[in-house]
Amino acid sequence: MREIAPTGLLAAAAAASLAAQPAPAPTTPRPAPCGGPAYRQLDFWVGRWTVYDTAKGYKVGTSRIERAMNGCAIRESYDAPRAPGGAYAGASYSGYSRLDAKWHQMYVDVNGNVSLYAGGMEGADMILIASGRDGALQRMTYRPLADGSVRQIGIVSTDGGRTWKPGYDYTYRRR
């Protein structure tokens, strides 16, 4: 048996039938995938910053933090060309995961270090913790200040979180 392709009158009838179909009803626009308030919790950190050692007051570097991936992530580029141990740079991606309701950050630096943090809001502070070698923990706090600056405090534990030692304390001031 041979199939016959619609030609002439058949093709015109098929086209007229399709044209007579009602247009599909408009659909309600879907909400943005990362539009909820949890995805905005770290927005206070977004901006261009000069970074200072909080206690000593000297400049340690600059940082550019921006929303990325249609608002689903925050991207950081940190640069410290005159760091005491030599030029230093690092970058991170941070994002809120709807799967576990936590913030996650991957930080990579020019020395080959990679840290994977997870955590969330505690009051007004964003607290993220990374596990290191031999049970070491790194705890990082982002604290928005009344003047619009942000304080970033890093502490380290080598005993599974029973005790903590200072690592760094920086204040980000808008450029």
Protein backbone atom coordinates (compact mmCIF):
# COMPACT_ATOMS: atom_id res chain seq x y z
CA MET A 1 0.00 0.00 0.00
CA ARG A 2 1.27 3.37 -0.91
CA GLU A 3 0.94 6.52 1.27
CA ILE A 4 -0.27 9.61 -0.48
CA ALA A 5 1.05 12.98 0.65
CA PRO A 6 -1.60 15.68 0.99
CA THR A 7 -1.57 17.88 -2.08
CA GLY A 8 -3.85 20.46 -3.59
CA LEU A 9 -7.32 20.30 -2.00
CA LEU A 10 -6.24 18.00 0.84
CA ALA A 11 -3.40 20.33 1.90
CA ALA A 12 -5.70 23.37 1.79
CA ALA A 13 -8.33 21.58 3.90
CA ALA A 14 -5.68 20.54 6.50
CA ALA A 15 -4.37 24.11 6.73
CA ALA A 16 -7.88 25.53 7.12
CA SER A 17 -8.63 23.00 9.87
CA LEU A 18 -5.51 24.03 11.80
CA ALA A 19 -6.30 27.71 11.38
CA ALA A 20 -9.78 27.17 12.83
CA GLN A 21 -8.34 25.77 16.10
CA PRO A 22 -8.72 28.16 19.05
CA ALA A 23 -5.48 29.69 20.34
CA PRO A 24 -4.20 28.05 23.54
CA ALA A 25 -5.27 29.82 26.71
CA PRO A 26 -2.58 32.09 28.17
CA THR A 27 -0.69 30.45 30.98
CA THR A 28 0.26 32.04 34.23
CA PRO A 29 3.93 32.99 34.09
CA ARG A 30 6.07 30.66 36.14
CA PRO A 31 7.93 32.28 39.03
CA ALA A 32 11.67 32.74 38.58
CA PRO A 33 13.46 29.57 39.75
CA CYS A 34 15.53 31.49 42.31
CA GLY A 35 13.11 34.29 43.12
CA GLY A 36 12.23 33.42 46.71
CA PRO A 37 13.53 35.37 49.71
CA ALA A 38 16.02 32.65 50.72
CA TYR A 39 17.94 33.32 47.48
CA ARG A 40 18.36 36.99 48.46
CA GLN A 41 19.83 36.39 51.95
CA LEU A 42 23.41 37.13 50.89
CA ASP A 43 22.57 40.11 48.67
CA PHE A 44 24.01 42.49 51.29
CA TRP A 45 27.45 41.27 50.14
CA VAL A 46 26.89 42.16 46.47
CA GLY A 47 28.99 45.13 45.31
CA ARG A 48 32.49 46.41 44.61
CA TRP A 49 34.57 46.57 47.76
CA THR A 50 37.89 47.64 49.20
CA VAL A 51 38.80 45.10 51.87
CA TYR A 52 40.56 46.11 55.10
CA ASP A 53 42.07 44.27 58.05
CA THR A 54 39.50 45.16 60.72
CA ALA A 55 41.89 45.47 63.68
CA LYS A 56 44.83 47.14 61.93
CA GLY A 57 42.89 49.22 59.39
CA TYR A 58 45.14 48.63 56.38
CA LYS A 59 43.94 47.63 52.93
CA VAL A 60 44.31 43.91 52.21
CA GLY A 61 42.66 43.73 48.79
CA THR A 62 39.64 44.38 46.61
CA SER A 63 36.61 42.28 45.91
CA ARG A 64 33.85 42.27 43.30
CA ILE A 65 30.72 40.37 44.29
CA GLU A 66 27.85 40.10 41.81
CA ARG A 67 24.69 38.14 41.20
CA ALA A 68 25.11 35.45 38.56
CA MET A 69 23.17 32.61 36.91
CA ASN A 70 19.89 34.57 36.68
CA GLY A 71 20.00 35.39 40.39
CA CYS A 72 20.63 31.79 41.47
CA ALA A 73 24.26 32.41 42.48
CA ILE A 74 26.66 35.01 43.78
CA ARG A 75 30.10 35.20 42.18
CA GLU A 76 33.11 36.65 44.00
CA SER A 77 36.47 37.76 42.62
CA TYR A 78 39.01 38.65 45.32
CA ASP A 79 42.38 40.21 44.56
CA ALA A 80 45.24 41.04 46.93
CA PRO A 81 48.22 41.97 44.74
CA ARG A 82 50.38 43.08 47.67
CA ALA A 83 49.57 40.37 50.22
CA PRO A 84 52.35 39.69 52.77
CA GLY A 85 53.11 36.24 51.30
CA GLY A 86 52.97 37.49 47.70
CA ALA A 87 50.18 38.28 45.27
CA TYR A 88 46.99 36.42 46.14
CA ALA A 89 43.64 35.94 44.44
CA GLY A 90 40.59 33.78 44.97
CA ALA A 91 37.13 33.30 43.55
CA SER A 92 33.92 31.75 44.76
CA TYR A 93 30.43 30.83 43.74
CA SER A 94 27.76 30.84 46.44
CA GLY A 95 24.19 29.68 46.09
CA TYR A 96 21.14 28.65 48.05
CA SER A 97 20.04 25.04 47.45
CA ARG A 98 16.34 24.28 47.61
CA LEU A 99 17.27 20.59 48.05
CA ASP A 100 18.70 20.98 51.55
CA ALA A 101 17.67 24.59 52.34
CA LYS A 102 21.32 25.60 52.89
CA TRP A 103 23.77 27.99 51.33
CA HIS A 104 26.82 26.46 49.66
CA GLN A 105 30.05 28.10 48.57
CA MET A 106 33.01 26.79 46.61
CA TYR A 107 36.13 28.92 47.06
CA VAL A 108 39.25 28.39 44.92
CA ASP A 109 42.51 30.33 45.20
CA VAL A 110 45.74 30.76 43.22
CA ASN A 111 47.57 28.38 45.57
CA GLY A 112 45.39 25.43 44.54
CA ASN A 113 43.25 25.44 47.67
CA VAL A 114 39.58 24.52 47.30
CA SER A 115 37.12 24.93 50.17
CA LEU A 116 33.51 23.74 50.13
CA TYR A 117 31.34 25.59 52.64
CA ALA A 118 27.74 25.05 53.73
CA GLY A 119 25.48 26.85 56.17
CA GLY A 120 22.91 29.57 56.45
CA MET A 121 21.56 32.57 58.27
CA GLU A 122 21.90 32.91 62.02
CA GLY A 123 20.16 36.15 62.90
CA ALA A 124 21.57 38.77 60.51
CA ASP A 125 24.81 36.80 59.93
CA MET A 126 25.51 34.32 57.16
CA ILE A 127 27.53 31.47 58.70
CA LEU A 128 29.30 28.96 56.44
CA ILE A 129 31.50 26.06 57.56
CA ALA A 130 33.99 23.97 55.57
CA SER A 131 35.63 20.70 56.56
CA GLY A 132 39.35 20.35 56.02
CA ARG A 133 42.02 17.73 56.57
CA ASP A 134 42.32 15.87 59.86
CA GLY A 135 38.94 17.10 61.11
CA ALA A 136 39.85 20.78 60.83
CA LEU A 137 36.91 23.15 60.36
CA GLN A 138 36.83 26.64 58.89
CA ARG A 139 33.96 28.87 59.96
CA MET A 140 33.25 32.02 57.97
CA THR A 141 30.82 34.72 59.07
CA TYR A 142 29.46 37.46 56.81
CA ARG A 143 28.01 40.23 58.98
CA PRO A 144 26.23 43.26 57.48
CA LEU A 145 27.04 46.45 59.42
CA ALA A 146 24.84 49.51 59.95
CA ASP A 147 27.04 51.72 57.74
CA GLY A 148 26.58 49.40 54.72
CA SER A 149 29.95 47.68 55.07
CA VAL A 150 30.30 43.93 55.62
CA ARG A 151 32.54 42.20 58.10
CA GLN A 152 33.95 38.78 57.17
CA ILE A 153 35.38 36.79 60.06
CA GLY A 154 37.21 33.49 59.65
CA ILE A 155 37.98 31.16 62.54
CA VAL A 156 39.51 27.67 62.58
CA SER A 157 39.01 24.59 64.76
CA THR A 158 41.40 21.64 64.81
CA ASP A 159 39.39 19.66 67.37
CA GLY A 160 36.09 19.15 65.57
CA GLY A 161 34.55 22.45 66.66
CA ARG A 162 35.15 22.22 70.43
CA THR A 163 37.48 25.23 70.36
CA TRP A 164 38.09 27.94 67.75
CA LYS A 165 41.11 30.12 66.91
CA PRO A 166 41.11 33.40 64.97
CA GLY A 167 42.01 33.20 61.31
CA TYR A 168 41.22 36.61 59.78
CA ASP A 169 38.88 39.54 60.32
CA TYR A 170 38.17 41.77 57.32
CA THR A 171 35.83 44.69 56.71
CA TYR A 172 34.47 45.25 53.20
CA ARG A 173 33.82 48.93 52.43
CA ARG A 174 32.02 49.95 49.23
CA ARG A 175 34.21 51.56 46.57
